[in-house]
Amino acid sequence: MNVGAAIDRWFARVRAVFTKRALDAEFADELAHHLELQTEENIRLGMAPAEARRQAQLAIGGPEQLRELHRETRSLPWLEQSIQDLRYAVRMFRRERGFTVTALLILAVGIGLNTTVFSLVNTVLLRPLPFAEANRLVWITNADSPGANRALSAITSQIDTWEGYRQQIILSNRLRPTIHFPLSKRTG
């Protein structure tokens, strides 16, 4: 099978979806012409005109079945059905405006939340950390007292202690300090 011919047939079938009325009219003319030719042939064979026409219709087949078969073979039925479904949905959305607005708002909120959650997960979990050797990072927390809240490491510790850690890190030249809170001494 020639690929070019297959592509041409496929484009013709897609075009047929959008030029359905013209193709139906052309098929109706062709069917009438075949019926006329078969009727003339039957009359030439000696049949009465009414009987010749009836026999011609029987020989050709039912016109509605032929039209349906022609529609199925000339176009893409699934595409036609999808277009009909889309038209029906648009008509229903126009008629039921409250439902349409509610559905669109729910979709908008859902898409917005999905985008937000993905952005957060992508930033926090999926992207690599912006450090050269991210696998060597350590987290220093406060464990001064047994009941200390580790989530409050900067607040529950002496600032001087953290300043000492910072100076040791800088002097060792092996680690780079990253402090996510300001180190300032309280007075008073």
Protein backbone atom coordinates (compact mmCIF):
# COMPACT_ATOMS: atom_id res chain seq x y z
CA MET A 1 0.00 0.00 0.00
CA ASN A 2 1.31 3.40 -0.95
CA VAL A 3 1.78 5.70 2.05
CA GLY A 4 0.89 8.80 0.04
CA ALA A 5 -2.40 7.25 -1.07
CA ALA A 6 -3.21 6.23 2.51
CA ILE A 7 -2.57 9.78 3.72
CA ASP A 8 -4.73 11.19 0.91
CA ARG A 9 -7.57 8.82 1.85
CA TRP A 10 -7.27 9.81 5.50
CA PHE A 11 -7.41 13.55 4.68
CA ALA A 12 -10.39 12.90 2.39
CA ARG A 13 -12.17 11.16 5.26
CA VAL A 14 -11.46 14.06 7.60
CA ARG A 15 -12.68 16.52 4.96
CA ALA A 16 -15.84 14.43 4.55
CA VAL A 17 -16.74 15.07 8.17
CA PHE A 18 -16.94 18.79 7.49
CA THR A 19 -18.53 18.60 4.00
CA LYS A 20 -21.23 16.09 4.91
CA ARG A 21 -24.19 17.89 3.30
CA ALA A 22 -22.51 18.31 -0.08
CA LEU A 23 -21.39 14.67 -0.10
CA ASP A 24 -24.87 13.48 0.92
CA ALA A 25 -26.42 15.46 -1.94
CA GLU A 26 -23.83 14.09 -4.38
CA PHE A 27 -24.50 10.54 -3.18
CA ALA A 28 -28.28 11.03 -3.49
CA ASP A 29 -27.81 12.18 -7.12
CA GLU A 30 -25.55 9.22 -7.87
CA LEU A 31 -27.99 6.77 -6.26
CA ALA A 32 -30.88 8.24 -8.29
CA HIS A 33 -28.80 7.94 -11.44
CA HIS A 34 -27.99 4.24 -10.75
CA LEU A 35 -31.65 3.58 -9.99
CA GLU A 36 -32.59 5.23 -13.28
CA LEU A 37 -30.02 3.18 -15.23
CA GLN A 38 -31.17 -0.08 -13.61
CA THR A 39 -34.83 0.79 -14.30
CA GLU A 40 -34.04 1.48 -17.98
CA GLU A 41 -32.16 -1.83 -18.19
CA ASN A 42 -35.15 -3.68 -16.68
CA ILE A 43 -37.57 -1.97 -19.11
CA ARG A 44 -35.31 -2.97 -22.01
CA LEU A 45 -35.51 -6.56 -20.75
CA GLY A 46 -39.30 -6.38 -21.12
CA MET A 47 -40.59 -5.44 -17.65
CA ALA A 48 -43.40 -2.97 -17.05
CA PRO A 49 -42.13 0.44 -15.87
CA ALA A 50 -43.54 0.08 -12.32
CA GLU A 51 -42.17 -3.46 -11.96
CA ALA A 52 -38.85 -2.40 -13.53
CA ARG A 53 -38.46 0.37 -10.93
CA ARG A 54 -39.36 -1.98 -8.06
CA GLN A 55 -36.88 -4.60 -9.27
CA ALA A 56 -34.21 -1.89 -9.66
CA GLN A 57 -34.78 -0.77 -6.06
CA LEU A 58 -34.52 -4.36 -4.86
CA ALA A 59 -31.31 -4.91 -6.86
CA ILE A 60 -29.64 -1.75 -5.59
CA GLY A 61 -30.82 -2.10 -2.00
CA GLY A 62 -32.51 0.16 0.52
CA PRO A 63 -31.57 3.82 0.03
CA GLU A 64 -31.25 4.56 3.77
CA GLN A 65 -28.99 1.57 4.37
CA LEU A 66 -26.84 2.59 1.41
CA ARG A 67 -26.62 6.19 2.67
CA GLU A 68 -25.58 4.98 6.12
CA LEU A 69 -22.97 2.62 4.66
CA HIS A 70 -21.66 5.44 2.46
CA ARG A 71 -21.38 7.79 5.46
CA GLU A 72 -19.45 5.19 7.45
CA THR A 73 -17.01 4.42 4.65
CA ARG A 74 -16.36 7.96 3.48
CA SER A 75 -15.65 9.57 6.84
CA LEU A 76 -14.51 8.90 10.38
CA PRO A 77 -17.57 7.89 12.42
CA TRP A 78 -15.82 8.40 15.76
CA LEU A 79 -14.89 11.96 14.77
CA GLU A 80 -18.44 12.73 13.64
CA GLN A 81 -19.80 11.30 16.89
CA SER A 82 -17.32 13.37 18.92
CA ILE A 83 -18.34 16.53 17.08
CA GLN A 84 -22.03 15.75 17.68
CA ASP A 85 -21.31 15.16 21.38
CA LEU A 86 -19.40 18.44 21.59
CA ARG A 87 -22.28 20.35 19.96
CA TYR A 88 -24.74 18.76 22.37
CA ALA A 89 -22.54 19.65 25.35
CA VAL A 90 -22.27 23.28 24.21
CA ARG A 91 -26.07 23.47 23.82
CA MET A 92 -26.56 22.07 27.32
CA PHE A 93 -23.97 24.42 28.81
CA ARG A 94 -25.75 27.37 27.20
CA ARG A 95 -29.07 26.24 28.58
CA GLU A 96 -27.82 25.39 32.10
CA ARG A 97 -25.73 28.46 32.87
CA GLY A 98 -25.64 27.95 36.64
CA PHE A 99 -24.26 24.45 36.22
CA THR A 100 -21.76 25.70 33.66
CA VAL A 101 -20.45 28.45 35.95
CA THR A 102 -20.21 26.02 38.88
CA ALA A 103 -18.39 23.41 36.79
CA LEU A 104 -15.96 26.00 35.42
CA LEU A 105 -15.24 27.38 38.89
CA ILE A 106 -14.60 23.88 40.24
CA LEU A 107 -12.28 23.14 37.32
CA ALA A 108 -10.44 26.45 37.78
CA VAL A 109 -9.93 25.88 41.50
CA GLY A 110 -8.86 22.27 40.91
CA ILE A 111 -6.36 23.23 38.23
CA GLY A 112 -5.03 26.08 40.36
CA LEU A 113 -4.59 23.85 43.40
CA ASN A 114 -2.98 21.14 41.33
CA THR A 115 -0.52 23.65 39.87
CA THR A 116 0.27 25.04 43.32
CA VAL A 117 0.86 21.64 44.87
CA PHE A 118 3.02 20.53 41.94
CA SER A 119 5.08 23.72 42.12
CA LEU A 120 5.60 23.21 45.84
CA VAL A 121 6.55 19.53 45.48
CA ASN A 122 8.80 20.33 42.54
CA THR A 123 10.59 23.09 44.44
CA VAL A 124 10.93 21.24 47.74
CA LEU A 125 11.37 17.60 46.74
CA LEU A 126 12.22 17.17 43.08
CA ARG A 127 14.74 19.88 42.22
CA PRO A 128 18.28 19.45 43.47
CA LEU A 129 19.48 21.83 46.15
CA PRO A 130 21.43 24.88 44.90
CA PHE A 131 24.75 23.69 46.38
CA ALA A 132 27.73 22.06 44.72
CA GLU A 133 27.79 18.97 46.94
CA ALA A 134 24.23 18.82 48.19
CA ASN A 135 24.64 15.28 49.50
CA ARG A 136 27.17 16.55 52.08
CA LEU A 137 24.81 19.08 53.66
CA VAL A 138 24.13 18.74 57.36
CA TRP A 139 21.47 20.26 59.56
CA ILE A 140 22.62 21.50 62.93
CA THR A 141 19.91 21.75 65.56
CA ASN A 142 19.78 22.57 69.19
CA ALA A 143 20.07 19.63 71.54
CA ASP A 144 21.30 21.55 74.58
CA SER A 145 18.66 20.27 76.95
CA PRO A 146 16.71 16.98 76.86
CA GLY A 147 13.32 18.67 76.53
CA ALA A 148 14.38 21.36 74.05
CA ASN A 149 12.16 21.97 71.09
CA ARG A 150 14.34 21.15 68.08
CA ALA A 151 12.13 23.17 65.75
CA LEU A 152 13.06 26.32 67.70
CA SER A 153 16.83 25.85 67.50
CA ALA A 154 17.69 29.52 66.99
CA ILE A 155 15.34 30.79 69.65
CA THR A 156 16.15 28.35 72.44
CA SER A 157 19.90 28.64 72.13
CA GLN A 158 22.45 31.24 73.07
CA ILE A 159 23.41 33.43 70.13
CA ASP A 160 27.04 33.23 71.17
CA THR A 161 26.96 29.45 70.69
CA TRP A 162 25.72 29.82 67.14
CA GLU A 163 28.25 32.56 66.43
CA GLY A 164 30.98 30.18 67.61
CA TYR A 165 29.69 27.44 65.28
CA ARG A 166 29.61 29.90 62.45
CA GLN A 167 33.20 31.02 63.04
CA GLN A 168 34.40 27.40 63.21
CA ILE A 169 32.68 26.61 59.95
CA ILE A 170 34.22 29.63 58.23
CA LEU A 171 37.69 28.88 59.63
CA SER A 172 37.61 25.22 58.66
CA ASN A 173 37.07 26.33 55.03
CA ARG A 174 35.50 22.98 54.31
CA LEU A 175 31.92 23.96 54.95
CA ARG A 176 29.85 26.88 53.84
CA PRO A 177 27.49 28.27 56.49
CA THR A 178 23.92 28.97 55.54
CA ILE A 179 21.95 30.69 58.27
CA HIS A 180 18.23 31.10 57.69
CA PHE A 181 17.71 33.53 60.56
CA PRO A 182 19.45 36.70 61.67
CA LEU A 183 22.04 36.34 64.41
CA SER A 184 21.58 39.32 66.66
CA LYS A 185 22.13 39.64 70.36
CA ARG A 186 19.32 40.69 72.61
CA THR A 187 19.92 43.49 74.95
CA GLY A 188 18.03 43.89 78.11
